[in-house]
Amino acid sequence: MAVKFRGVMTREALLIDGPAGWGEFSPFLEYGAKESSAWLRSGVEAAFEGFPPANRTHAEVNATIPAVPAADVEKIIARYPGCRVFKVKVAEPGQELADDVARVQAVRDLVPGAVIRVDANRGWSVEQAVTAARELGPLDYMEQPVDTVDELAEVRGQLQRSGVFCRVAADESIRRAEDPYLVAEKRAADVAVVKVAPLGGVRRVVDLTADLRARYMDVTVASALDTAVGVNAGLAAVAALPVYEDDDGLDVAPAAAGLATQRLFAEDVAEPREIVDGWMSVAPVQPDPARVSELAASAERRDWWFDRVRESYAWL
């Protein structure tokens, strides 16, 4: 990693070279076999089935700003040429709301008119989330500000009753839930953040997106801090989403996707995808053999990952 993100400086992944293309298996190290099995299903789908037909050639992406000091925001923004949407990490352990406010303000100062989302990763209480919405706004949405679905619903209700316009987005409450539809049923969020690997593959995400949109939720497709191979699947999901037309018959592009996280890596298995005016091609990239060789794990670590595959496969 070029900067610490999700508490790590090194991202581990197992790549699958299959008959239909490359797949990725990269559940976070603390995940157990049952939860990791969805990630394996996603990697197997990419490698052995391939992706569904694409309905578009490019996807708008958001920039991701880790929980860095405000003074460091400018150099991170430079990694995302032309992006107009920014997801800013907040509620970092050991930091205060004042740090979040300064970080968000730095983005606004550097990119006038920026559309800003904040991601708290369940780091706040209901009261803290409502206060943060007031202090950080205006926002496109606040992603997973609290832990549970019921708490999400309470945050959403309090914001509406107090006249604060700030949408609530669910991430972990969908991808780590036994029932990913519970958020919609309880009307606990306005936006669903969906990630291909934790949800079991591109086709699963496309189906889930259709179901959630039918329940009046907007959808953002995002990365689970994937390598270039995993990002292929995320972009394939955006590309496969149905075409929606407005009243004038124009295609309504999907929400800016959180799929430019490769820009947070110092090294990856392929060259960083080009971002042009905030958009990326959805065409899949191939791992560079030289890079794969250079980044190869030790024999002991490779065997540890092979054991993870066997354990996770038992849950498929």
Protein backbone atom coordinates (compact mmCIF):
# COMPACT_ATOMS: atom_id res chain seq x y z
CA MET A 1 0.00 0.00 0.00
CA ALA A 2 1.13 3.57 -0.68
CA VAL A 3 -0.78 4.71 2.41
CA LYS A 4 -2.26 2.77 5.30
CA PHE A 5 -5.83 1.77 4.52
CA ARG A 6 -8.14 -0.35 6.62
CA GLY A 7 -5.25 -0.67 9.05
CA VAL A 8 -2.91 -2.46 6.63
CA MET A 9 0.14 -1.59 4.59
CA THR A 10 0.27 -4.89 2.65
CA ARG A 11 -2.70 -6.42 0.84
CA GLU A 12 -2.64 -10.18 0.27
CA ALA A 13 -4.51 -11.97 -2.52
CA LEU A 14 -4.57 -15.32 -4.31
CA LEU A 15 -5.02 -15.14 -8.09
CA ILE A 16 -6.72 -17.85 -10.15
CA ASP A 17 -5.69 -18.34 -13.79
CA GLY A 18 -8.74 -20.05 -15.27
CA PRO A 19 -10.09 -20.97 -18.71
CA ALA A 20 -12.38 -17.90 -18.81
CA GLY A 21 -9.87 -15.41 -17.42
CA TRP A 22 -8.35 -14.34 -14.12
CA GLY A 23 -10.13 -14.48 -10.79
CA GLU A 24 -9.18 -13.28 -7.33
CA PHE A 25 -9.65 -14.72 -3.84
CA SER A 26 -8.72 -12.09 -1.25
CA PRO A 27 -10.87 -12.17 1.89
CA PHE A 28 -9.34 -10.09 4.66
CA LEU A 29 -7.06 -12.09 6.90
CA GLU A 30 -9.39 -12.08 9.90
CA TYR A 31 -12.35 -13.54 7.97
CA GLY A 32 -13.36 -17.11 8.67
CA ALA A 33 -13.99 -19.86 6.12
CA LYS A 34 -17.75 -19.38 5.90
CA GLU A 35 -17.54 -15.66 5.17
CA SER A 36 -14.56 -16.19 2.85
CA SER A 37 -16.51 -18.70 0.74
CA ALA A 38 -18.39 -15.89 -1.03
CA TRP A 39 -15.05 -14.40 -2.05
CA LEU A 40 -14.01 -17.79 -3.43
CA ARG A 41 -17.27 -18.09 -5.35
CA SER A 42 -16.57 -14.71 -6.93
CA GLY A 43 -13.03 -15.69 -7.94
CA VAL A 44 -14.20 -19.00 -9.40
CA GLU A 45 -16.94 -17.24 -11.37
CA ALA A 46 -14.42 -14.87 -12.96
CA ALA A 47 -11.91 -17.60 -13.74
CA PHE A 48 -14.25 -20.37 -14.94
CA GLU A 49 -17.46 -18.65 -16.15
CA GLY A 50 -16.32 -15.19 -17.14
CA PHE A 51 -18.40 -12.05 -16.90
CA PRO A 52 -21.90 -11.32 -18.23
CA PRO A 53 -22.35 -9.11 -21.32
CA ALA A 54 -21.49 -5.44 -20.89
CA ASN A 55 -23.99 -2.63 -21.45
CA ARG A 56 -21.41 0.17 -21.30
CA THR A 57 -17.71 0.68 -22.03
CA HIS A 58 -16.71 3.11 -19.24
CA ALA A 59 -17.55 3.76 -15.61
CA GLU A 60 -17.27 6.91 -13.55
CA VAL A 61 -15.22 6.35 -10.38
CA ASN A 62 -14.80 8.15 -7.10
CA ALA A 63 -11.53 9.09 -5.46
CA THR A 64 -10.86 7.54 -2.06
CA ILE A 65 -9.22 9.65 0.64
CA PRO A 66 -7.90 7.63 3.59
CA ALA A 67 -7.94 9.00 7.13
CA VAL A 68 -4.83 11.11 6.55
CA PRO A 69 -4.05 14.56 7.96
CA ALA A 70 -5.69 17.36 6.01
CA ALA A 71 -2.26 18.52 4.83
CA ASP A 72 -1.78 15.22 2.97
CA VAL A 73 -5.07 15.33 1.04
CA GLU A 74 -3.71 17.24 -1.95
CA LYS A 75 -1.13 14.60 -2.90
CA ILE A 76 -3.78 11.86 -2.70
CA ILE A 77 -6.24 13.80 -4.86
CA ALA A 78 -3.50 14.02 -7.49
CA ARG A 79 -3.77 10.23 -7.92
CA TYR A 80 -7.35 10.63 -9.25
CA PRO A 81 -7.29 12.98 -12.26
CA GLY A 82 -10.62 14.54 -13.08
CA CYS A 83 -12.65 12.83 -10.36
CA ARG A 84 -15.59 14.89 -9.12
CA VAL A 85 -16.81 12.44 -6.46
CA PHE A 86 -14.75 11.74 -3.33
CA LYS A 87 -15.17 9.15 -0.60
CA VAL A 88 -13.46 10.36 2.56
CA LYS A 89 -12.68 7.99 5.41
CA VAL A 90 -13.81 9.26 8.81
CA ALA A 91 -14.22 8.00 12.39
CA GLU A 92 -10.67 6.61 12.44
CA PRO A 93 -9.74 5.23 15.89
CA GLY A 94 -7.62 7.77 17.73
CA GLN A 95 -8.93 10.72 15.73
CA GLU A 96 -11.60 13.31 16.50
CA LEU A 97 -14.49 14.74 14.50
CA ALA A 98 -12.40 17.88 14.06
CA ASP A 99 -9.88 15.80 12.07
CA ASP A 100 -12.69 14.56 9.82
CA VAL A 101 -14.02 18.08 9.30
CA ALA A 102 -10.55 19.32 8.34
CA ARG A 103 -10.02 16.44 5.90
CA VAL A 104 -13.38 16.98 4.20
CA GLN A 105 -12.83 20.73 4.05
CA ALA A 106 -9.45 20.16 2.41
CA VAL A 107 -11.18 18.27 -0.39
CA ARG A 108 -13.71 21.08 -0.83
CA ASP A 109 -10.96 23.69 -0.92
CA LEU A 110 -8.94 21.77 -3.51
CA VAL A 111 -11.86 20.67 -5.70
CA PRO A 112 -14.64 23.28 -5.70
CA GLY A 113 -18.00 21.66 -6.28
CA ALA A 114 -16.76 18.21 -5.22
CA VAL A 115 -19.43 15.63 -4.39
CA ILE A 116 -18.40 14.15 -1.05
CA ARG A 117 -19.27 10.86 0.57
CA VAL A 118 -17.91 9.88 3.98
CA ASP A 119 -17.31 6.33 5.20
CA ALA A 120 -17.26 5.72 8.96
CA ASN A 121 -16.97 1.91 8.86
CA ARG A 122 -19.41 1.56 11.80
CA GLY A 123 -17.25 3.88 13.90
CA TRP A 124 -19.93 6.11 15.46
CA SER A 125 -22.89 5.90 17.80
CA VAL A 126 -26.25 7.16 16.56
CA GLU A 127 -25.74 10.50 18.32
CA GLN A 128 -22.21 10.91 16.96
CA ALA A 129 -23.39 10.12 13.42
CA VAL A 130 -26.16 12.74 13.55
CA THR A 131 -23.73 15.34 14.88
CA ALA A 132 -21.18 14.43 12.21
CA ALA A 133 -23.77 14.80 9.45
CA ARG A 134 -24.41 18.36 10.60
CA GLU A 135 -20.71 19.20 10.90
CA LEU A 136 -19.52 17.56 7.67
CA GLY A 137 -22.40 18.41 5.32
CA PRO A 138 -23.48 18.84 2.66
CA LEU A 139 -22.79 15.22 1.74
CA ASP A 140 -23.84 12.86 -1.04
CA TYR A 141 -24.20 10.23 1.66
CA MET A 142 -22.80 8.90 4.91
CA GLU A 143 -21.67 5.29 4.52
CA GLN A 144 -22.20 2.80 7.34
CA PRO A 145 -21.95 5.36 10.13
CA VAL A 146 -23.14 2.89 12.78
CA ASP A 147 -23.00 -0.83 13.42
CA THR A 148 -26.47 -2.33 13.14
CA VAL A 149 -29.40 -2.09 10.74
CA ASP A 150 -31.64 -0.75 13.51
CA GLU A 151 -29.07 1.95 14.28
CA LEU A 152 -28.91 2.87 10.60
CA ALA A 153 -32.67 3.28 10.59
CA GLU A 154 -32.47 5.47 13.70
CA VAL A 155 -29.79 7.71 12.16
CA ARG A 156 -31.83 8.05 8.97
CA GLY A 157 -34.98 8.88 10.94
CA GLN A 158 -33.27 11.45 13.15
CA LEU A 159 -31.72 13.20 10.16
CA GLN A 160 -35.07 13.39 8.41
CA ARG A 161 -36.88 14.66 11.51
CA SER A 162 -34.25 17.33 12.14
CA GLY A 163 -34.28 18.57 8.55
CA VAL A 164 -30.70 17.54 7.76
CA PHE A 165 -30.48 16.35 4.17
CA CYS A 166 -27.92 13.56 4.25
CA ARG A 167 -28.54 10.17 2.74
CA VAL A 168 -27.51 7.06 4.67
CA ALA A 169 -25.64 4.26 2.88
CA ALA A 170 -25.21 0.65 3.99
CA ASP A 171 -22.08 -1.39 3.30
CA GLU A 172 -21.25 -3.94 5.99
CA SER A 173 -24.96 -4.24 6.81
CA ILE A 174 -25.38 -5.72 3.32
CA ARG A 175 -22.17 -7.55 2.45
CA ARG A 176 -21.61 -9.07 5.91
CA ALA A 177 -25.27 -9.80 6.67
CA GLU A 178 -27.08 -13.11 6.64
CA ASP A 179 -29.95 -11.25 4.94
CA PRO A 180 -28.70 -8.52 2.59
CA TYR A 181 -32.29 -7.36 2.02
CA LEU A 182 -32.98 -6.52 5.67
CA VAL A 183 -31.70 -2.95 5.21
CA ALA A 184 -34.25 -2.35 2.46
CA GLU A 185 -37.08 -4.03 4.36
CA LYS A 186 -36.48 -1.81 7.40
CA ARG A 187 -35.94 1.28 5.22
CA ALA A 188 -32.70 1.80 7.09
CA ALA A 189 -30.69 3.29 4.21
CA ASP A 190 -31.07 5.25 1.00
CA VAL A 191 -28.03 3.77 -0.77
CA ALA A 192 -26.56 0.27 -0.98
CA VAL A 193 -22.80 -0.05 -1.39
CA VAL A 194 -22.26 -3.42 -3.06
CA LYS A 195 -18.95 -5.23 -3.51
CA VAL A 196 -18.50 -8.15 -5.87
CA ALA A 197 -16.16 -10.41 -3.92
CA PRO A 198 -17.95 -10.38 -0.53
CA LEU A 199 -21.30 -10.87 -2.24
CA GLY A 200 -20.24 -13.87 -4.31
CA GLY A 201 -19.65 -12.62 -7.84
CA VAL A 202 -20.72 -10.28 -10.61
CA ARG A 203 -24.01 -12.00 -11.40
CA ARG A 204 -25.01 -11.97 -7.75
CA VAL A 205 -24.30 -8.22 -7.56
CA VAL A 206 -26.27 -7.47 -10.73
CA ASP A 207 -29.28 -9.42 -9.39
CA LEU A 208 -29.02 -7.84 -5.94
CA THR A 209 -28.79 -4.38 -7.49
CA ALA A 210 -31.99 -4.93 -9.45
CA ASP A 211 -33.78 -6.11 -6.31
CA LEU A 212 -32.59 -3.15 -4.22
CA ARG A 213 -33.46 -0.62 -6.90
CA ALA A 214 -36.95 -2.12 -6.97
CA ARG A 215 -37.05 -1.29 -3.25
CA TYR A 216 -36.18 2.35 -4.03
CA MET A 217 -32.52 2.19 -3.03
CA ASP A 218 -29.71 3.71 -5.06
CA VAL A 219 -26.62 1.55 -5.59
CA THR A 220 -22.88 2.20 -5.63
CA VAL A 221 -20.55 -0.60 -6.79
CA ALA A 222 -17.28 -0.53 -4.87
CA SER A 223 -14.01 -2.37 -4.37
CA ALA A 224 -13.06 -4.50 -1.40
CA LEU A 225 -9.49 -3.20 -1.71
CA ASP A 226 -8.98 -5.58 -4.62
CA THR A 227 -5.93 -5.99 -6.81
CA ALA A 228 -6.21 -5.11 -10.49
CA VAL A 229 -7.71 -8.57 -11.06
CA GLY A 230 -10.46 -8.06 -8.50
CA VAL A 231 -11.21 -4.62 -9.92
CA ASN A 232 -11.92 -6.34 -13.26
CA ALA A 233 -14.92 -7.96 -11.59
CA GLY A 234 -16.14 -4.72 -10.06
CA LEU A 235 -16.00 -2.94 -13.39
CA ALA A 236 -17.72 -5.91 -15.06
CA ALA A 237 -20.57 -5.50 -12.58
CA VAL A 238 -20.96 -1.80 -13.40
CA ALA A 239 -20.79 -2.62 -17.11
CA ALA A 240 -23.50 -5.29 -16.78
CA LEU A 241 -26.01 -3.14 -14.90
CA PRO A 242 -29.17 -2.56 -16.93
CA VAL A 243 -29.48 0.65 -18.89
CA TYR A 244 -31.88 3.11 -17.31
CA GLU A 245 -33.23 6.01 -19.35
CA ASP A 246 -34.56 9.34 -18.15
CA ASP A 247 -37.67 11.05 -19.53
CA ASP A 248 -35.65 12.29 -22.50
CA GLY A 249 -34.46 8.78 -23.40
CA LEU A 250 -30.90 9.40 -22.23
CA ASP A 251 -28.90 6.74 -20.42
CA VAL A 252 -28.63 7.46 -16.70
CA ALA A 253 -25.09 6.42 -15.83
CA PRO A 254 -24.58 4.34 -12.68
CA ALA A 255 -23.40 6.18 -9.57
CA ALA A 256 -19.66 6.85 -9.45
CA ALA A 257 -18.11 3.54 -8.47
CA GLY A 258 -15.56 3.01 -5.72
CA LEU A 259 -13.28 1.09 -8.07
CA ALA A 260 -10.22 3.32 -8.33
CA THR A 261 -8.67 1.97 -5.13
CA GLN A 262 -5.74 0.58 -7.13
CA ARG A 263 -4.42 4.14 -6.81
CA LEU A 264 -3.82 3.43 -3.12
CA PHE A 265 -1.28 0.70 -3.96
CA ALA A 266 2.46 1.26 -4.24
CA GLU A 267 2.69 -2.02 -6.18
CA ASP A 268 0.08 -4.14 -7.93
CA VAL A 269 -0.07 -7.08 -10.31
CA ALA A 270 -0.83 -4.79 -13.28
CA GLU A 271 -0.24 -1.17 -14.23
CA PRO A 272 -2.75 1.23 -12.66
CA ARG A 273 -5.75 1.77 -14.89
CA GLU A 274 -5.90 5.11 -16.62
CA ILE A 275 -8.42 7.58 -15.21
CA VAL A 276 -9.59 10.17 -17.75
CA ASP A 277 -11.79 12.97 -16.43
CA GLY A 278 -12.89 10.71 -13.60
CA TRP A 279 -13.81 7.73 -15.81
CA MET A 280 -12.20 4.33 -16.40
CA SER A 281 -12.57 1.72 -19.12
CA VAL A 282 -14.38 -1.44 -18.03
CA ALA A 283 -12.19 -3.64 -20.25
CA PRO A 284 -10.41 -6.27 -18.12
CA VAL A 285 -6.66 -6.08 -17.66
CA GLN A 286 -4.26 -9.01 -17.47
CA PRO A 287 -1.73 -9.46 -14.66
CA ASP A 288 1.84 -8.70 -15.66
CA PRO A 289 3.84 -11.96 -15.24
CA ALA A 290 6.92 -10.04 -14.11
CA ARG A 291 4.94 -8.21 -11.45
CA VAL A 292 3.24 -11.42 -10.30
CA SER A 293 6.64 -13.05 -9.95
CA GLU A 294 8.10 -10.10 -8.08
CA LEU A 295 5.15 -9.93 -5.67
CA ALA A 296 4.94 -13.69 -5.11
CA ALA A 297 4.47 -14.85 -1.54
CA SER A 298 6.79 -17.18 0.29
CA ALA A 299 6.15 -20.91 -0.02
CA GLU A 300 4.87 -20.96 3.55
CA ARG A 301 2.43 -18.10 2.91
CA ARG A 302 1.31 -19.66 -0.37
CA ASP A 303 0.44 -22.87 1.47
CA TRP A 304 -1.49 -20.86 4.08
CA TRP A 305 -3.62 -19.39 1.29
CA PHE A 306 -4.12 -22.79 -0.33
CA ASP A 307 -5.44 -24.04 3.01
CA ARG A 308 -7.85 -21.08 3.08
CA VAL A 309 -9.16 -22.09 -0.33
CA ARG A 310 -9.80 -25.67 0.84
CA GLU A 311 -11.52 -24.48 4.02
CA SER A 312 -13.68 -21.96 2.16
CA TYR A 313 -14.52 -24.40 -0.63
CA ALA A 314 -16.17 -26.65 1.95
CA TRP A 315 -18.82 -23.94 2.44
CA LEU A 316 -19.72 -23.56 -1.23
